[in-house]
């Protein structure tokens, strides 16, 4: 299964530069193997793999909550831009969904994927034409139309 996921991701990466947003979402529930798939892809294509939660937490440690809200998009953009690579892999993006940061995670990732391909581990599922993060009634719950998104789906 991992091999077919890697092949699907590589195919999506090849197709990405033709898209307006060069964003590829690796979607699956917790424990489905998203991190392992990104690590294997990293070995094969020599792309940087960024743990978003870890890197943003380090940079935002000394900031006030208001500064964090205002600077989060730029900080994430800077993390991505520091790499000269055309493809960047992002894992552990849960922090982007925290209500206190007042972000729209999908729109932020789409904006940052205009000039370079982002392959992002998305903890959730695709169901009935919707990209879903978390479960209803959870404070981080989000749902988006799945159309016009490049999605590689994993199942546990």
N, C-alpha and C. Protein backbone atom coordinates (compact mmCIF):
# COMPACT_ATOMS: atom_id res chain seq x y z
N UNK A 1 0.81 -1.20 0.00
CA UNK A 1 0.00 0.00 0.00
C UNK A 1 0.85 1.27 0.00
N UNK A 2 1.92 1.29 0.79
CA UNK A 2 2.78 2.46 0.86
C UNK A 2 3.35 2.80 -0.51
N UNK A 3 3.72 1.78 -1.26
CA UNK A 3 4.28 2.01 -2.59
C UNK A 3 3.27 2.69 -3.50
N UNK A 4 2.02 2.27 -3.46
CA UNK A 4 1.00 2.88 -4.32
C UNK A 4 0.72 4.33 -3.89
N UNK A 5 0.79 4.60 -2.61
CA UNK A 5 0.60 5.98 -2.12
C UNK A 5 1.74 6.86 -2.60
N UNK A 6 2.97 6.37 -2.50
CA UNK A 6 4.13 7.14 -2.96
C UNK A 6 4.01 7.41 -4.45
N UNK A 7 3.61 6.40 -5.21
CA UNK A 7 3.43 6.59 -6.66
C UNK A 7 2.36 7.63 -6.95
N UNK A 8 1.26 7.59 -6.21
CA UNK A 8 0.19 8.57 -6.39
C UNK A 8 0.68 9.99 -6.05
N UNK A 9 1.47 10.10 -4.99
CA UNK A 9 2.02 11.41 -4.62
C UNK A 9 2.98 11.92 -5.69
N UNK A 10 3.84 11.05 -6.20
CA UNK A 10 4.79 11.45 -7.24
C UNK A 10 4.06 11.90 -8.50
N UNK A 11 3.00 11.20 -8.86
CA UNK A 11 2.21 11.59 -10.02
C UNK A 11 1.56 12.96 -9.78
N UNK A 12 1.02 13.18 -8.58
CA UNK A 12 0.40 14.46 -8.24
C UNK A 12 1.44 15.59 -8.27
N UNK A 13 2.65 15.31 -7.82
CA UNK A 13 3.73 16.31 -7.85
C UNK A 13 4.05 16.69 -9.29
N UNK A 14 4.07 15.72 -10.18
CA UNK A 14 4.35 15.99 -11.58
C UNK A 14 3.27 16.88 -12.19
N UNK A 15 2.03 16.66 -11.80
CA UNK A 15 0.88 17.39 -12.32
C UNK A 15 0.71 18.77 -11.65
N UNK A 16 1.22 18.95 -10.47
CA UNK A 16 0.99 20.15 -9.66
C UNK A 16 1.36 21.47 -10.34
N UNK A 17 2.49 21.59 -11.03
CA UNK A 17 2.85 22.88 -11.63
C UNK A 17 1.83 23.40 -12.65
N UNK A 18 0.97 22.54 -13.14
CA UNK A 18 -0.05 22.97 -14.09
C UNK A 18 -1.28 23.56 -13.39
N UNK A 19 -1.33 23.46 -12.08
CA UNK A 19 -2.48 23.89 -11.30
C UNK A 19 -2.27 25.30 -10.75
N UNK A 20 -3.38 26.00 -10.49
CA UNK A 20 -3.30 27.32 -9.89
C UNK A 20 -2.70 27.24 -8.49
N UNK A 21 -3.21 26.30 -7.69
CA UNK A 21 -2.62 26.02 -6.37
C UNK A 21 -1.86 24.71 -6.49
N UNK A 22 -0.61 24.75 -6.13
CA UNK A 22 0.24 23.55 -6.22
C UNK A 22 0.22 22.81 -4.88
N UNK A 23 -0.98 22.52 -4.41
CA UNK A 23 -1.18 21.90 -3.11
C UNK A 23 -1.68 20.47 -3.29
N UNK A 24 -1.00 19.54 -2.62
CA UNK A 24 -1.39 18.14 -2.63
C UNK A 24 -1.64 17.74 -1.18
N UNK A 25 -2.83 17.23 -0.92
CA UNK A 25 -3.19 16.83 0.43
C UNK A 25 -3.14 15.32 0.56
N UNK A 26 -2.35 14.84 1.50
CA UNK A 26 -2.30 13.42 1.84
C UNK A 26 -3.25 13.25 3.01
N UNK A 27 -4.45 12.74 2.74
CA UNK A 27 -5.54 12.73 3.70
C UNK A 27 -5.73 11.34 4.29
N UNK A 28 -5.82 11.28 5.61
CA UNK A 28 -6.09 10.02 6.28
C UNK A 28 -6.27 10.23 7.77
N UNK A 29 -6.88 9.25 8.43
CA UNK A 29 -7.07 9.36 9.88
C UNK A 29 -5.76 9.16 10.63
N UNK A 30 -5.79 9.46 11.91
CA UNK A 30 -4.64 9.22 12.78
C UNK A 30 -4.21 7.76 12.67
N UNK A 31 -2.92 7.54 12.50
CA UNK A 31 -2.39 6.18 12.44
C UNK A 31 -2.44 5.52 11.07
N UNK A 32 -2.88 6.25 10.06
CA UNK A 32 -3.01 5.67 8.71
C UNK A 32 -1.66 5.57 7.99
N UNK A 33 -0.64 6.30 8.46
CA UNK A 33 0.69 6.23 7.84
C UNK A 33 1.08 7.45 7.04
N UNK A 34 0.47 8.59 7.32
CA UNK A 34 0.80 9.81 6.58
C UNK A 34 2.25 10.22 6.80
N UNK A 35 2.70 10.21 8.04
CA UNK A 35 4.08 10.60 8.33
C UNK A 35 5.06 9.64 7.67
N UNK A 36 4.79 8.36 7.76
CA UNK A 36 5.67 7.37 7.13
C UNK A 36 5.72 7.57 5.62
N UNK A 37 4.58 7.86 5.01
CA UNK A 37 4.55 8.10 3.57
C UNK A 37 5.36 9.34 3.21
N UNK A 38 5.23 10.41 3.99
CA UNK A 38 6.02 11.62 3.72
C UNK A 38 7.51 11.37 3.90
N UNK A 39 7.87 10.59 4.91
CA UNK A 39 9.29 10.27 5.12
C UNK A 39 9.86 9.47 3.95
N UNK A 40 9.09 8.53 3.44
CA UNK A 40 9.53 7.73 2.29
C UNK A 40 9.62 8.60 1.05
N UNK A 41 8.65 9.46 0.85
CA UNK A 41 8.67 10.37 -0.29
C UNK A 41 9.87 11.30 -0.20
N UNK A 42 10.17 11.76 1.01
CA UNK A 42 11.33 12.64 1.21
C UNK A 42 12.61 11.95 0.74
N UNK A 43 12.77 10.69 1.08
CA UNK A 43 13.96 9.94 0.65
C UNK A 43 14.04 9.84 -0.86
N UNK A 44 12.89 9.63 -1.49
CA UNK A 44 12.88 9.40 -2.93
C UNK A 44 13.08 10.67 -3.75
N UNK A 45 12.54 11.80 -3.29
CA UNK A 45 12.63 13.02 -4.10
C UNK A 45 13.54 14.09 -3.48
N UNK A 46 14.12 13.79 -2.32
CA UNK A 46 15.03 14.70 -1.64
C UNK A 46 14.39 16.08 -1.40
N UNK A 47 13.19 16.06 -0.83
CA UNK A 47 12.48 17.30 -0.51
C UNK A 47 12.54 17.53 1.00
N UNK A 48 12.54 18.78 1.43
CA UNK A 48 12.51 19.04 2.88
C UNK A 48 11.18 18.62 3.49
N UNK A 49 11.25 18.08 4.69
CA UNK A 49 10.06 17.68 5.44
C UNK A 49 10.01 18.53 6.70
N UNK A 50 8.97 19.35 6.82
CA UNK A 50 8.85 20.29 7.93
C UNK A 50 7.73 19.84 8.86
N UNK A 51 8.06 19.74 10.15
CA UNK A 51 7.05 19.51 11.17
C UNK A 51 6.52 20.88 11.58
N UNK A 52 5.36 21.24 11.07
CA UNK A 52 4.82 22.59 11.24
C UNK A 52 4.63 22.94 12.71
N UNK A 53 4.01 22.05 13.48
CA UNK A 53 3.78 22.34 14.91
C UNK A 53 5.08 22.66 15.62
N UNK A 54 6.09 21.86 15.41
CA UNK A 54 7.37 22.04 16.09
C UNK A 54 8.03 23.36 15.70
N UNK A 55 8.11 23.61 14.41
CA UNK A 55 8.81 24.81 13.95
C UNK A 55 8.07 26.09 14.32
N UNK A 56 6.76 26.12 14.16
CA UNK A 56 6.01 27.32 14.53
C UNK A 56 6.05 27.55 16.04
N UNK A 57 5.95 26.48 16.82
CA UNK A 57 6.01 26.61 18.28
C UNK A 57 7.33 27.23 18.70
N UNK A 58 8.41 26.79 18.12
CA UNK A 58 9.74 27.36 18.44
C UNK A 58 9.77 28.86 18.16
N UNK A 59 9.25 29.25 17.00
CA UNK A 59 9.34 30.65 16.60
C UNK A 59 8.37 31.55 17.35
N UNK A 60 7.27 30.99 17.84
CA UNK A 60 6.25 31.80 18.48
C UNK A 60 6.34 31.80 20.00
N UNK A 61 7.33 31.16 20.53
CA UNK A 61 7.47 30.98 21.97
C UNK A 61 7.45 32.29 22.75
N UNK A 62 8.14 33.29 22.27
CA UNK A 62 8.28 34.55 23.00
C UNK A 62 7.24 35.60 22.60
N UNK A 63 6.30 35.24 21.72
CA UNK A 63 5.32 36.21 21.23
C UNK A 63 4.06 36.23 22.09
N UNK A 64 3.40 37.38 22.09
CA UNK A 64 2.09 37.45 22.72
C UNK A 64 1.09 36.70 21.83
N UNK A 65 -0.09 36.41 22.37
CA UNK A 65 -1.10 35.71 21.58
C UNK A 65 -1.50 36.53 20.35
N UNK A 66 -1.63 37.83 20.50
CA UNK A 66 -1.99 38.69 19.37
C UNK A 66 -0.90 38.67 18.31
N UNK A 67 0.36 38.70 18.71
CA UNK A 67 1.46 38.62 17.75
C UNK A 67 1.43 37.27 17.02
N UNK A 68 1.12 36.20 17.76
CA UNK A 68 1.06 34.88 17.14
C UNK A 68 -0.01 34.84 16.05
N UNK A 69 -1.18 35.39 16.36
CA UNK A 69 -2.28 35.40 15.39
C UNK A 69 -1.86 36.16 14.13
N UNK A 70 -1.26 37.31 14.32
CA UNK A 70 -0.90 38.16 13.19
C UNK A 70 0.27 37.61 12.38
N UNK A 71 1.21 36.96 13.04
CA UNK A 71 2.44 36.53 12.36
C UNK A 71 2.44 35.10 11.85
N UNK A 72 1.50 34.28 12.29
CA UNK A 72 1.51 32.87 11.90
C UNK A 72 1.59 32.67 10.38
N UNK A 73 0.77 33.33 9.57
CA UNK A 73 0.88 33.10 8.12
C UNK A 73 2.26 33.44 7.56
N UNK A 74 2.84 34.55 8.01
CA UNK A 74 4.17 34.93 7.51
C UNK A 74 5.24 33.95 7.99
N UNK A 75 5.14 33.52 9.25
CA UNK A 75 6.12 32.57 9.78
C UNK A 75 6.09 31.25 9.00
N UNK A 76 4.88 30.76 8.70
CA UNK A 76 4.77 29.53 7.92
C UNK A 76 5.31 29.75 6.52
N UNK A 77 4.98 30.87 5.93
CA UNK A 77 5.52 31.20 4.61
C UNK A 77 7.04 31.26 4.61
N UNK A 78 7.61 31.86 5.64
CA UNK A 78 9.07 31.93 5.75
C UNK A 78 9.69 30.54 5.89
N UNK A 79 9.04 29.66 6.67
CA UNK A 79 9.53 28.28 6.81
C UNK A 79 9.61 27.58 5.45
N UNK A 80 8.58 27.78 4.66
CA UNK A 80 8.52 27.15 3.35
C UNK A 80 9.53 27.78 2.40
N UNK A 81 9.64 29.09 2.43
CA UNK A 81 10.55 29.79 1.51
C UNK A 81 12.02 29.59 1.82
N UNK A 82 12.37 29.23 3.06
CA UNK A 82 13.79 29.05 3.40
C UNK A 82 14.40 27.88 2.64
N UNK A 83 13.57 27.03 2.13
CA UNK A 83 14.06 25.92 1.33
C UNK A 83 14.11 26.35 -0.13
N UNK A 84 15.17 25.99 -0.80
CA UNK A 84 15.29 26.29 -2.22
C UNK A 84 14.56 25.25 -3.07
N UNK A 85 14.02 24.23 -2.42
CA UNK A 85 13.36 23.14 -3.14
C UNK A 85 12.04 23.58 -3.76
N UNK A 86 11.70 22.96 -4.88
CA UNK A 86 10.44 23.25 -5.55
C UNK A 86 9.29 22.50 -4.90
N UNK A 87 9.59 21.43 -4.16
CA UNK A 87 8.58 20.64 -3.46
C UNK A 87 8.93 20.65 -1.97
N UNK A 88 7.95 20.97 -1.13
CA UNK A 88 8.14 20.97 0.32
C UNK A 88 7.05 20.11 0.94
N UNK A 89 7.45 19.26 1.88
CA UNK A 89 6.53 18.35 2.55
C UNK A 89 6.21 18.92 3.94
N UNK A 90 4.93 18.98 4.29
CA UNK A 90 4.52 19.52 5.59
C UNK A 90 3.77 18.44 6.37
N UNK A 91 4.20 18.23 7.60
CA UNK A 91 3.56 17.25 8.48
C UNK A 91 3.19 17.96 9.78
N UNK A 92 2.30 17.35 10.54
CA UNK A 92 1.90 17.89 11.85
C UNK A 92 1.41 19.33 11.76
N UNK A 93 0.32 19.51 11.06
CA UNK A 93 -0.22 20.86 10.83
C UNK A 93 -1.34 21.21 11.80
N UNK A 94 -1.56 20.40 12.82
CA UNK A 94 -2.69 20.59 13.74
C UNK A 94 -2.77 22.00 14.32
N UNK A 95 -1.65 22.61 14.54
CA UNK A 95 -1.60 23.94 15.14
C UNK A 95 -2.37 24.97 14.30
N UNK A 96 -2.39 24.78 12.99
CA UNK A 96 -3.08 25.72 12.11
C UNK A 96 -4.58 25.76 12.35
N UNK A 97 -5.12 24.69 12.95
CA UNK A 97 -6.55 24.58 13.17
C UNK A 97 -7.00 25.11 14.52
N UNK A 98 -6.07 25.44 15.39
CA UNK A 98 -6.45 25.92 16.72
C UNK A 98 -7.27 27.21 16.61
N UNK A 99 -8.46 27.24 17.20
CA UNK A 99 -9.33 28.42 17.08
C UNK A 99 -8.64 29.72 17.51
N UNK A 100 -7.75 29.67 18.47
CA UNK A 100 -7.13 30.90 18.97
C UNK A 100 -6.26 31.60 17.93
N UNK A 101 -5.84 30.85 16.88
CA UNK A 101 -5.01 31.47 15.84
C UNK A 101 -5.85 32.11 14.72
N UNK A 102 -7.16 31.84 14.71
CA UNK A 102 -8.08 32.50 13.78
C UNK A 102 -7.62 32.37 12.32
N UNK A 103 -7.23 31.17 11.92
CA UNK A 103 -6.76 30.92 10.56
C UNK A 103 -7.75 30.06 9.79
N UNK A 104 -7.71 30.16 8.49
CA UNK A 104 -8.41 29.24 7.61
C UNK A 104 -7.30 28.37 7.01
N UNK A 105 -7.04 27.20 7.60
CA UNK A 105 -5.87 26.40 7.21
C UNK A 105 -5.80 26.06 5.72
N UNK A 106 -6.89 25.66 5.12
CA UNK A 106 -6.83 25.30 3.70
C UNK A 106 -6.49 26.51 2.85
N UNK A 107 -7.12 27.62 3.10
CA UNK A 107 -6.84 28.84 2.31
C UNK A 107 -5.40 29.29 2.51
N UNK A 108 -4.90 29.21 3.72
CA UNK A 108 -3.51 29.57 3.98
C UNK A 108 -2.57 28.68 3.18
N UNK A 109 -2.80 27.37 3.22
CA UNK A 109 -1.95 26.43 2.47
C UNK A 109 -2.06 26.66 0.97
N UNK A 110 -3.26 26.96 0.50
CA UNK A 110 -3.41 27.24 -0.93
C UNK A 110 -2.62 28.48 -1.33
N UNK A 111 -2.71 29.51 -0.52
CA UNK A 111 -1.98 30.75 -0.81
C UNK A 111 -0.47 30.48 -0.87
N UNK A 112 0.02 29.70 0.06
CA UNK A 112 1.46 29.42 0.12
C UNK A 112 1.92 28.45 -0.98
N UNK A 113 0.96 27.81 -1.65
CA UNK A 113 1.33 26.83 -2.69
C UNK A 113 1.25 27.43 -4.09
N UNK A 114 1.18 28.72 -4.21
CA UNK A 114 1.12 29.33 -5.54
C UNK A 114 2.43 29.17 -6.31
N UNK A 115 3.56 29.26 -5.63
CA UNK A 115 4.85 29.26 -6.32
C UNK A 115 5.72 28.05 -6.04
N UNK A 116 5.24 27.15 -5.20
CA UNK A 116 5.98 25.91 -4.97
C UNK A 116 4.99 24.84 -4.56
N UNK A 117 5.34 23.60 -4.85
CA UNK A 117 4.45 22.49 -4.55
C UNK A 117 4.54 22.13 -3.08
N UNK A 118 3.38 22.07 -2.42
CA UNK A 118 3.31 21.64 -1.03
C UNK A 118 2.57 20.32 -0.97
N UNK A 119 3.19 19.34 -0.31
CA UNK A 119 2.53 18.07 -0.03
C UNK A 119 2.29 18.07 1.48
N UNK A 120 1.01 18.04 1.87
CA UNK A 120 0.62 18.27 3.26
C UNK A 120 -0.14 17.08 3.83
N UNK A 121 0.30 16.59 4.98
CA UNK A 121 -0.43 15.54 5.70
C UNK A 121 -1.64 16.18 6.37
N UNK A 122 -2.84 15.73 5.99
CA UNK A 122 -4.10 16.28 6.49
C UNK A 122 -4.80 15.20 7.29
N UNK A 123 -4.94 15.41 8.57
CA UNK A 123 -5.56 14.44 9.46
C UNK A 123 -7.08 14.54 9.35
N UNK A 124 -7.67 13.67 8.56
CA UNK A 124 -9.10 13.73 8.35
C UNK A 124 -9.56 12.74 7.32
N UNK A 125 -10.58 13.13 6.56
CA UNK A 125 -11.13 12.23 5.56
C UNK A 125 -11.81 13.02 4.46
N UNK A 126 -12.10 12.31 3.37
CA UNK A 126 -12.92 12.86 2.31
C UNK A 126 -14.19 12.01 2.28
N UNK A 127 -15.32 12.69 2.43
CA UNK A 127 -16.59 11.98 2.45
C UNK A 127 -17.65 12.85 1.79
N UNK A 128 -18.41 12.23 0.89
CA UNK A 128 -19.50 12.91 0.20
C UNK A 128 -19.07 14.23 -0.43
N UNK A 129 -17.91 14.19 -1.08
CA UNK A 129 -17.42 15.38 -1.77
C UNK A 129 -16.90 16.48 -0.87
N UNK A 130 -16.66 16.16 0.40
CA UNK A 130 -16.17 17.14 1.36
C UNK A 130 -14.84 16.69 1.96
N UNK A 131 -13.92 17.63 2.09
CA UNK A 131 -12.68 17.42 2.83
C UNK A 131 -12.97 17.80 4.27
N UNK A 132 -12.71 16.87 5.18
CA UNK A 132 -13.10 17.07 6.58
C UNK A 132 -11.88 16.99 7.48
N UNK A 133 -11.84 17.88 8.45
CA UNK A 133 -10.82 17.85 9.50
C UNK A 133 -11.55 17.81 10.83
N UNK A 134 -11.18 16.86 11.67
CA UNK A 134 -11.80 16.65 13.00
C UNK A 134 -13.24 16.15 12.85
N UNK A 135 -13.98 16.19 13.92
CA UNK A 135 -15.36 15.68 13.93
C UNK A 135 -16.30 16.82 14.32
N UNK A 136 -17.56 16.75 13.89
CA UNK A 136 -18.51 17.82 14.28
C UNK A 136 -18.52 18.02 15.79
N UNK A 137 -18.75 19.23 16.19
CA UNK A 137 -18.78 19.66 17.60
C UNK A 137 -17.39 19.78 18.22
N UNK A 138 -16.34 19.41 17.50
CA UNK A 138 -14.96 19.62 17.98
C UNK A 138 -14.58 21.06 17.62
N UNK A 139 -13.88 21.78 18.49
CA UNK A 139 -13.56 23.19 18.20
C UNK A 139 -12.72 23.38 16.94
N UNK A 140 -11.99 22.35 16.52
CA UNK A 140 -11.14 22.46 15.34
C UNK A 140 -11.80 21.94 14.07
N UNK A 141 -13.05 21.52 14.16
CA UNK A 141 -13.77 20.94 13.02
C UNK A 141 -13.82 21.91 11.85
N UNK A 142 -13.47 21.39 10.68
CA UNK A 142 -13.55 22.16 9.44
C UNK A 142 -14.04 21.23 8.34
N UNK A 143 -14.77 21.80 7.41
CA UNK A 143 -15.19 21.06 6.24
C UNK A 143 -15.09 21.99 5.03
N UNK A 144 -14.60 21.44 3.93
CA UNK A 144 -14.41 22.20 2.70
C UNK A 144 -14.91 21.36 1.52
N UNK A 145 -15.37 22.00 0.46
CA UNK A 145 -15.67 21.23 -0.76
C UNK A 145 -14.36 20.62 -1.27
N UNK A 146 -14.40 19.37 -1.67
CA UNK A 146 -13.17 18.68 -2.11
C UNK A 146 -12.88 18.91 -3.59
N UNK A 147 -13.78 19.57 -4.30
CA UNK A 147 -13.53 19.80 -5.72
C UNK A 147 -12.32 20.71 -5.92
N UNK A 148 -11.65 20.51 -7.00
CA UNK A 148 -10.47 21.29 -7.38
C UNK A 148 -9.30 21.15 -6.41
N UNK A 149 -9.30 20.11 -5.59
CA UNK A 149 -8.18 19.83 -4.71
C UNK A 149 -7.49 18.56 -5.16
N UNK A 150 -6.16 18.54 -5.11
CA UNK A 150 -5.43 17.30 -5.37
C UNK A 150 -5.33 16.55 -4.05
N UNK A 151 -5.97 15.40 -4.00
CA UNK A 151 -6.04 14.62 -2.76
C UNK A 151 -5.56 13.21 -3.02
N UNK A 152 -4.65 12.75 -2.17
CA UNK A 152 -4.26 11.35 -2.13
C UNK A 152 -4.76 10.86 -0.79
N UNK A 153 -5.63 9.87 -0.83
CA UNK A 153 -6.31 9.44 0.38
C UNK A 153 -5.73 8.13 0.92
N UNK A 154 -5.53 8.09 2.23
CA UNK A 154 -5.09 6.91 2.95
C UNK A 154 -6.23 6.41 3.83
N UNK A 155 -6.28 5.13 4.02
CA UNK A 155 -7.23 4.58 4.98
C UNK A 155 -6.42 3.81 6.03
N UNK A 156 -6.94 3.75 7.24
CA UNK A 156 -6.19 3.08 8.32
C UNK A 156 -6.20 1.59 8.17
